[in-house]
Protein backbone atom coordinates (compact mmCIF):
# COMPACT_ATOMS: atom_id res chain seq x y z
CA MET A 1 88.82 141.71 83.75
CA ILE A 2 89.96 138.57 85.57
CA ARG A 3 90.62 135.53 83.47
CA LYS A 4 89.59 132.09 84.68
CA GLY A 5 93.21 130.95 84.90
CA ASN A 6 94.02 133.61 87.50
CA ARG A 7 91.22 132.73 89.90
CA ASN A 8 91.80 130.27 92.69
CA ASP A 9 89.34 127.95 94.40
CA GLU A 10 88.72 130.30 97.34
CA ASP A 11 87.84 133.19 95.03
CA PHE A 12 85.43 130.99 93.11
CA ALA A 13 83.78 129.76 96.34
CA ALA A 14 83.40 133.37 97.51
CA GLU A 15 81.88 134.28 94.16
CA ILE A 16 79.33 131.48 94.45
CA GLU A 17 78.42 132.54 97.99
CA SER A 18 77.97 136.17 96.95
CA HIS A 19 75.82 135.05 94.01
CA LEU A 20 73.67 132.98 96.37
CA GLU A 21 73.35 135.91 98.81
CA ILE A 22 72.24 138.28 96.04
CA GLU A 23 69.77 135.73 94.71
CA ALA A 24 68.42 135.09 98.22
CA ASP A 25 67.97 138.83 98.83
CA GLU A 26 66.05 139.17 95.56
CA ILE A 27 63.82 136.18 96.37
CA ALA A 28 63.17 137.45 99.90
CA ALA A 29 62.24 140.93 98.62
CA ARG A 30 60.08 139.60 95.79
CA GLU A 31 58.17 136.96 97.74
CA GLY A 32 58.33 138.41 101.25
CA ILE A 33 59.79 135.32 102.93
CA SER A 34 62.53 134.95 105.54
CA HIS A 35 66.18 135.11 104.56
CA GLU A 36 66.74 131.45 105.52
CA GLU A 37 63.92 130.24 103.28
CA ALA A 38 65.12 132.50 100.47
CA MET A 39 68.66 131.11 100.87
CA LEU A 40 67.32 127.55 100.58
CA ARG A 41 65.43 128.46 97.41
CA ALA A 42 68.48 130.21 95.97
CA ARG A 43 70.61 127.11 96.61
CA ARG A 44 67.92 124.92 95.06
CA ASN A 45 67.74 127.18 91.98
CA PHE A 46 71.53 127.32 91.64
CA GLY A 47 72.01 123.58 91.73
CA ASN A 48 74.78 121.48 93.21
CA VAL A 49 77.43 123.87 94.58
CA GLY A 50 79.95 121.09 95.18
CA ARG A 51 79.70 119.83 91.60
CA THR A 52 80.13 123.36 90.27
CA GLN A 53 83.30 123.76 92.32
CA GLU A 54 84.57 120.38 91.08
CA ARG A 55 84.01 121.43 87.46
CA PHE A 56 85.92 124.65 88.12
CA TYR A 57 88.79 122.68 89.69
CA GLU A 58 88.90 120.27 86.77
CA SER A 59 88.80 123.06 84.20
CA ASN A 60 92.05 124.52 85.60
CA ARG A 61 93.98 121.26 85.57
CA ARG A 62 95.26 118.83 83.04
CA MET A 63 93.28 115.89 84.32
CA TRP A 64 94.94 113.33 82.07
CA LEU A 65 98.26 114.21 83.71
CA ASP A 66 96.75 113.79 87.19
CA HIS A 67 95.31 110.42 86.17
CA LEU A 68 98.62 109.31 84.67
CA TRP A 69 100.47 110.27 87.84
CA ARG A 70 97.93 108.37 89.97
CA ASP A 71 98.22 105.29 87.72
CA LEU A 72 102.03 105.35 87.90
CA ARG A 73 101.98 105.52 91.69
CA PHE A 74 99.54 102.60 91.78
CA ALA A 75 101.77 100.58 89.44
CA VAL A 76 104.83 101.19 91.62
CA ARG A 77 102.90 100.14 94.73
CA GLN A 78 101.78 96.94 93.01
CA MET A 79 105.32 96.18 91.86
CA ARG A 80 106.59 96.60 95.42
CA LYS A 81 103.98 94.15 96.69
CA SER A 82 105.10 91.33 94.39
CA PRO A 83 108.80 91.63 93.52
CA LEU A 84 109.02 88.11 92.03
CA SER A 85 106.37 88.69 89.40
CA THR A 86 107.79 92.16 88.74
CA SER A 87 111.25 90.74 88.09
CA THR A 88 109.75 88.03 85.85
CA VAL A 89 107.94 90.64 83.76
CA VAL A 90 111.03 92.86 83.52
CA VAL A 91 113.28 89.96 82.43
CA SER A 92 110.70 88.79 79.87
CA LEU A 93 110.40 92.28 78.42
CA ALA A 94 114.17 92.71 78.30
CA LEU A 95 114.64 89.40 76.49
CA GLY A 96 111.79 90.11 74.07
CA ILE A 97 113.00 93.61 73.23
CA GLY A 98 116.58 92.40 72.90
CA ALA A 99 115.55 89.53 70.62
CA CYS A 100 113.46 91.83 68.40
CA ALA A 101 116.26 94.38 68.19
CA THR A 102 118.76 91.64 67.24
CA VAL A 103 116.50 90.07 64.61
CA PHE A 104 115.59 93.35 62.95
CA SER A 105 119.14 94.71 63.02
CA VAL A 106 120.41 91.65 61.15
């Protein structure tokens, strides 16, 4: 038995395609229509293949960590764009943290 954590995206895509082929063969045999029409009906019955693959991708990842990493990269890019405001914020934070630490240590 293969666990979900051991499957990769290509295996999952192949599994979806084989499922669609089997479903199309069953529809074609049952209703006596062409394979192309049966494949279209199978895809329609299955639903959005792309969304299913996205859900599989997201289920194998820690999305909050991906979002955090993306936010940190955005923050660094913004800080590089405006170094004056970045330095102002850093100095203000340093003074505020230093003042709080001094007041509460006394």
